[in-house]
């Protein structure tokens, strides 16, 4: 088998991201774009609906991070500081990175950071009230006026943080593509990734059953997430 220009050997094509994770990722991207557009165009009715959709998506991701496919589970991709530092050293070195089937050590914590700020955004939106008191989140009446207005300020401030993290995320994807020649977008579209190896390394295993669980489990997780959001809306 011929070596690549970077000294790596083309490996087997392996499954990485299952359909639920890919749908979650791209639906969240579309939802965030809609939330930004509705906020800047004062379409608060649609903004609230998209906010509920975002909450359902985030709840699903939390469920899937515990009971989902192998590569989606938090326990699978959250690594300790030593592993993160080792990955950063590899990033600073010339040449390709060691092969990773799913999230690398740094990317795993980036996922957690994004989920945390997005959950904070949804949570503050649930309690927020605007300046004139005409529009408010479904839980705003559960707290004092001071806390509702504080939630609104945090909601706006946190959105700036989201923009920064999204920009960093896009920049990292471009960095991996242009500098390390690693395409992170294609596996999130197709679900599959071709792992490469250095001469002497064992090739990645073949097969379709590397940790993907039946889709009915994803359907149950999605139904639970939507039921929780529907309950919040109905009984707030």
Protein backbone atom coordinates (compact mmCIF):
# COMPACT_ATOMS: atom_id res chain seq x y z
CA UNK A 1 0.00 0.00 0.00
CA UNK A 2 1.43 3.37 -0.97
CA UNK A 3 2.29 5.98 1.63
CA UNK A 4 0.75 9.41 1.58
CA UNK A 5 2.76 12.58 1.06
CA UNK A 6 2.81 13.12 4.81
CA UNK A 7 4.25 9.68 5.51
CA UNK A 8 0.94 8.14 6.47
CA UNK A 9 -0.70 5.07 5.00
CA UNK A 10 -4.35 5.25 3.92
CA UNK A 11 -6.42 3.24 6.37
CA UNK A 12 -9.85 1.70 6.48
CA UNK A 13 -13.06 3.69 6.22
CA UNK A 14 -14.77 3.43 9.61
CA UNK A 15 -18.07 4.70 11.04
CA UNK A 16 -17.68 7.70 13.34
CA UNK A 17 -20.80 9.85 13.76
CA UNK A 18 -24.17 8.14 13.78
CA UNK A 19 -27.27 9.65 12.20
CA UNK A 20 -28.67 11.14 15.46
CA UNK A 21 -25.45 13.05 16.13
CA UNK A 22 -25.30 14.36 12.57
CA UNK A 23 -28.94 15.46 12.67
CA UNK A 24 -28.40 17.11 16.05
CA UNK A 25 -25.36 19.00 14.79
CA UNK A 26 -26.89 20.42 11.63
CA UNK A 27 -30.32 21.09 13.15
CA UNK A 28 -28.61 23.02 15.95
CA UNK A 29 -26.63 25.04 13.41
CA UNK A 30 -29.85 25.93 11.56
CA UNK A 31 -31.66 26.67 14.82
CA UNK A 32 -28.91 29.00 16.05
CA UNK A 33 -28.98 30.86 12.74
CA UNK A 34 -32.74 31.26 13.11
CA UNK A 35 -32.40 32.45 16.70
CA UNK A 36 -29.88 35.07 15.64
CA UNK A 37 -32.09 36.25 12.75
CA UNK A 38 -35.27 36.45 14.83
CA UNK A 39 -33.46 38.31 17.61
CA UNK A 40 -32.02 40.90 15.24
CA UNK A 41 -35.38 41.33 13.45
CA UNK A 42 -37.51 41.45 16.64
CA UNK A 43 -39.55 38.39 15.70
CA UNK A 44 -39.88 37.25 19.30
CA UNK A 45 -42.77 34.85 18.70
CA UNK A 46 -40.64 32.75 16.36
CA UNK A 47 -37.61 33.37 18.55
CA UNK A 48 -39.33 31.65 21.49
CA UNK A 49 -40.33 28.68 19.33
CA UNK A 50 -36.77 28.28 18.09
CA UNK A 51 -35.59 28.57 21.68
CA UNK A 52 -37.81 25.65 22.67
CA UNK A 53 -36.41 23.69 19.74
CA UNK A 54 -32.87 24.48 20.89
CA UNK A 55 -33.70 23.27 24.41
CA UNK A 56 -35.09 20.00 23.03
CA UNK A 57 -31.97 19.50 20.91
CA UNK A 58 -29.66 20.19 23.85
CA UNK A 59 -31.59 17.85 26.15
CA UNK A 60 -31.37 15.16 23.48
CA UNK A 61 -27.60 15.68 23.25
CA UNK A 62 -27.26 15.27 27.01
CA UNK A 63 -29.25 12.04 26.89
CA UNK A 64 -27.25 10.83 23.90
CA UNK A 65 -24.01 11.70 25.67
CA UNK A 66 -24.90 9.13 28.33
CA UNK A 67 -26.87 6.44 26.50
CA UNK A 68 -26.02 6.98 22.84
CA UNK A 69 -23.49 5.58 20.42
CA UNK A 70 -19.92 5.09 21.48
CA UNK A 71 -18.37 8.16 19.86
CA UNK A 72 -21.19 10.40 21.16
CA UNK A 73 -20.75 9.49 24.82
CA UNK A 74 -19.07 12.01 27.10
CA UNK A 75 -17.16 9.24 28.84
CA UNK A 76 -15.66 8.30 25.48
CA UNK A 77 -14.18 11.65 24.50
CA UNK A 78 -13.59 13.64 27.70
CA UNK A 79 -9.92 13.24 28.57
CA UNK A 80 -7.69 14.46 31.38
CA UNK A 81 -5.29 17.43 31.29
CA UNK A 82 -2.29 15.30 30.34
CA UNK A 83 -4.01 14.02 27.20
CA UNK A 84 -5.13 17.54 26.27
CA UNK A 85 -1.58 18.86 26.66
CA UNK A 86 -0.21 16.02 24.56
CA UNK A 87 -2.68 16.91 21.82
CA UNK A 88 -1.63 20.56 21.99
CA UNK A 89 2.01 19.51 21.61
CA UNK A 90 1.09 17.51 18.53
CA UNK A 91 -0.74 20.55 17.16
CA UNK A 92 2.43 22.64 17.54
CA UNK A 93 4.57 20.06 15.75
CA UNK A 94 4.82 19.87 11.95
CA UNK A 95 3.11 17.05 10.15
CA UNK A 96 -0.16 15.22 10.66
CA UNK A 97 -1.83 14.46 13.95
CA UNK A 98 -2.09 10.97 15.43
CA UNK A 99 -5.27 9.37 14.07
CA UNK A 100 -8.41 9.98 16.10
CA UNK A 101 -11.65 8.23 15.31
CA UNK A 102 -13.93 10.73 17.04
CA UNK A 103 -13.34 13.92 19.01
CA UNK A 104 -9.75 14.60 19.93
CA UNK A 105 -8.91 15.52 23.53
CA UNK A 106 -9.25 19.26 22.92
CA UNK A 107 -12.34 18.97 20.75
CA UNK A 108 -14.15 16.95 23.40
CA UNK A 109 -13.89 19.75 25.94
CA UNK A 110 -14.83 22.28 23.27
CA UNK A 111 -18.09 20.34 22.81
CA UNK A 112 -18.78 20.59 26.54
CA UNK A 113 -18.05 24.32 26.54
CA UNK A 114 -20.45 24.92 23.64
CA UNK A 115 -23.18 22.84 25.25
CA UNK A 116 -22.73 24.72 28.53
CA UNK A 117 -23.02 28.21 27.03
CA UNK A 118 -25.97 27.15 24.86
CA UNK A 119 -27.79 25.71 27.86
CA UNK A 120 -27.07 28.93 29.75
CA UNK A 121 -28.50 30.90 26.83
CA UNK A 122 -31.71 28.90 26.82
CA UNK A 123 -32.01 29.02 30.61
CA UNK A 124 -31.64 32.80 30.80
CA UNK A 125 -34.12 33.18 27.95
CA UNK A 126 -36.72 31.20 29.90
CA UNK A 127 -36.57 33.70 32.76
CA UNK A 128 -35.89 36.92 30.83
CA UNK A 129 -38.22 39.87 30.42
CA UNK A 130 -37.68 42.80 28.08
CA UNK A 131 -37.34 46.43 29.17
CA UNK A 132 -40.99 47.36 28.76
CA UNK A 133 -42.29 44.09 30.21
CA UNK A 134 -44.28 43.28 27.07
CA UNK A 135 -42.38 40.10 26.22
CA UNK A 136 -41.14 37.56 28.74
CA UNK A 137 -39.94 34.01 28.93
CA UNK A 138 -42.33 31.31 30.15
CA UNK A 139 -40.70 31.17 33.59
CA UNK A 140 -40.22 34.91 34.11
CA UNK A 141 -43.25 35.09 36.40
CA UNK A 142 -41.61 32.55 38.69
CA UNK A 143 -38.91 34.99 39.78
CA UNK A 144 -38.71 38.64 40.79
CA UNK A 145 -38.60 41.49 38.31
CA UNK A 146 -34.98 42.12 39.23
CA UNK A 147 -33.98 38.53 38.42
CA UNK A 148 -35.95 38.58 35.16
CA UNK A 149 -34.13 41.70 34.01
CA UNK A 150 -30.83 40.23 35.16
CA UNK A 151 -31.61 37.12 33.09
CA UNK A 152 -32.21 39.36 30.07
CA UNK A 153 -28.84 41.08 30.50
CA UNK A 154 -27.10 37.73 30.92
CA UNK A 155 -28.97 36.43 27.86
CA UNK A 156 -27.56 39.24 25.72
CA UNK A 157 -24.06 39.00 27.19
CA UNK A 158 -23.93 35.22 26.82
CA UNK A 159 -24.86 35.53 23.15
CA UNK A 160 -21.62 37.44 22.59
CA UNK A 161 -19.76 34.53 24.20
CA UNK A 162 -21.58 32.11 21.90
CA UNK A 163 -20.47 34.14 18.89
CA UNK A 164 -16.86 33.96 20.09
CA UNK A 165 -17.02 30.19 20.64
CA UNK A 166 -18.65 29.62 17.26
CA UNK A 167 -15.93 31.68 15.59
CA UNK A 168 -13.26 29.68 17.44
CA UNK A 169 -14.97 26.45 16.39
CA UNK A 170 -15.01 27.45 12.72
CA UNK A 171 -11.42 28.65 12.97
CA UNK A 172 -10.34 25.34 14.50
CA UNK A 173 -12.07 23.39 11.71
CA UNK A 174 -10.19 25.47 9.14
CA UNK A 175 -6.92 25.06 11.04
CA UNK A 176 -7.23 21.28 11.09
CA UNK A 177 -8.11 21.27 7.38
CA UNK A 178 -5.48 23.69 6.08
CA UNK A 179 -2.57 22.96 8.43
CA UNK A 180 -3.08 19.36 9.54
CA UNK A 181 -4.94 18.20 6.40
CA UNK A 182 -7.71 16.70 8.50
CA UNK A 183 -11.27 17.24 7.24
CA UNK A 184 -13.61 17.39 10.23
CA UNK A 185 -16.68 18.38 8.23
CA UNK A 186 -16.95 15.39 5.90
CA UNK A 187 -17.46 12.82 8.70
CA UNK A 188 -20.18 15.04 10.19
CA UNK A 189 -21.96 14.87 6.83
CA UNK A 190 -21.37 11.25 5.83
CA UNK A 191 -20.83 9.66 9.24
CA UNK A 192 -17.66 7.94 8.03
CA UNK A 193 -13.97 8.70 8.27
CA UNK A 194 -10.90 7.19 6.66
CA UNK A 195 -8.30 6.72 9.36
CA UNK A 196 -4.65 6.81 8.39
CA UNK A 197 -1.74 5.26 10.21
CA UNK A 198 2.01 5.59 10.35
CA UNK A 199 4.13 2.78 8.91
CA UNK A 200 4.18 -0.06 11.44
CA UNK A 201 0.89 0.94 13.10
CA UNK A 202 -2.05 -1.44 13.03
CA UNK A 203 -4.73 -0.24 10.63
CA UNK A 204 -8.11 0.85 11.92
CA UNK A 205 -10.62 -2.00 12.07
CA UNK A 206 -13.21 -2.46 9.38
CA UNK A 207 -16.92 -2.92 9.89
CA UNK A 208 -20.16 -1.08 10.52
CA UNK A 209 -20.81 -1.96 14.15
CA UNK A 210 -18.32 0.20 16.02
CA UNK A 211 -20.54 1.53 18.76
CA UNK A 212 -23.59 2.70 16.79
CA UNK A 213 -26.76 1.82 18.67
CA UNK A 214 -30.24 1.17 17.19
CA UNK A 215 -32.08 4.27 16.02
CA UNK A 216 -35.08 3.42 18.20
CA UNK A 217 -33.00 4.48 21.19
CA UNK A 218 -32.47 7.88 19.58
CA UNK A 219 -36.20 8.12 18.89
CA UNK A 220 -36.93 7.48 22.57
CA UNK A 221 -34.36 10.06 23.66
CA UNK A 222 -35.79 12.63 21.23
CA UNK A 223 -39.35 11.90 22.39
CA UNK A 224 -38.31 12.35 26.02
CA UNK A 225 -36.57 15.64 25.24
CA UNK A 226 -39.59 16.98 23.36
CA UNK A 227 -41.97 15.81 26.09
CA UNK A 228 -39.94 17.67 28.73
CA UNK A 229 -39.98 20.86 26.69
CA UNK A 230 -43.70 20.50 25.96
CA UNK A 231 -44.33 20.02 29.68
CA UNK A 232 -42.31 23.12 30.46
CA UNK A 233 -44.37 25.18 28.01
CA UNK A 234 -47.70 23.74 29.17
CA UNK A 235 -47.16 23.95 32.92
CA UNK A 236 -44.89 26.97 33.27
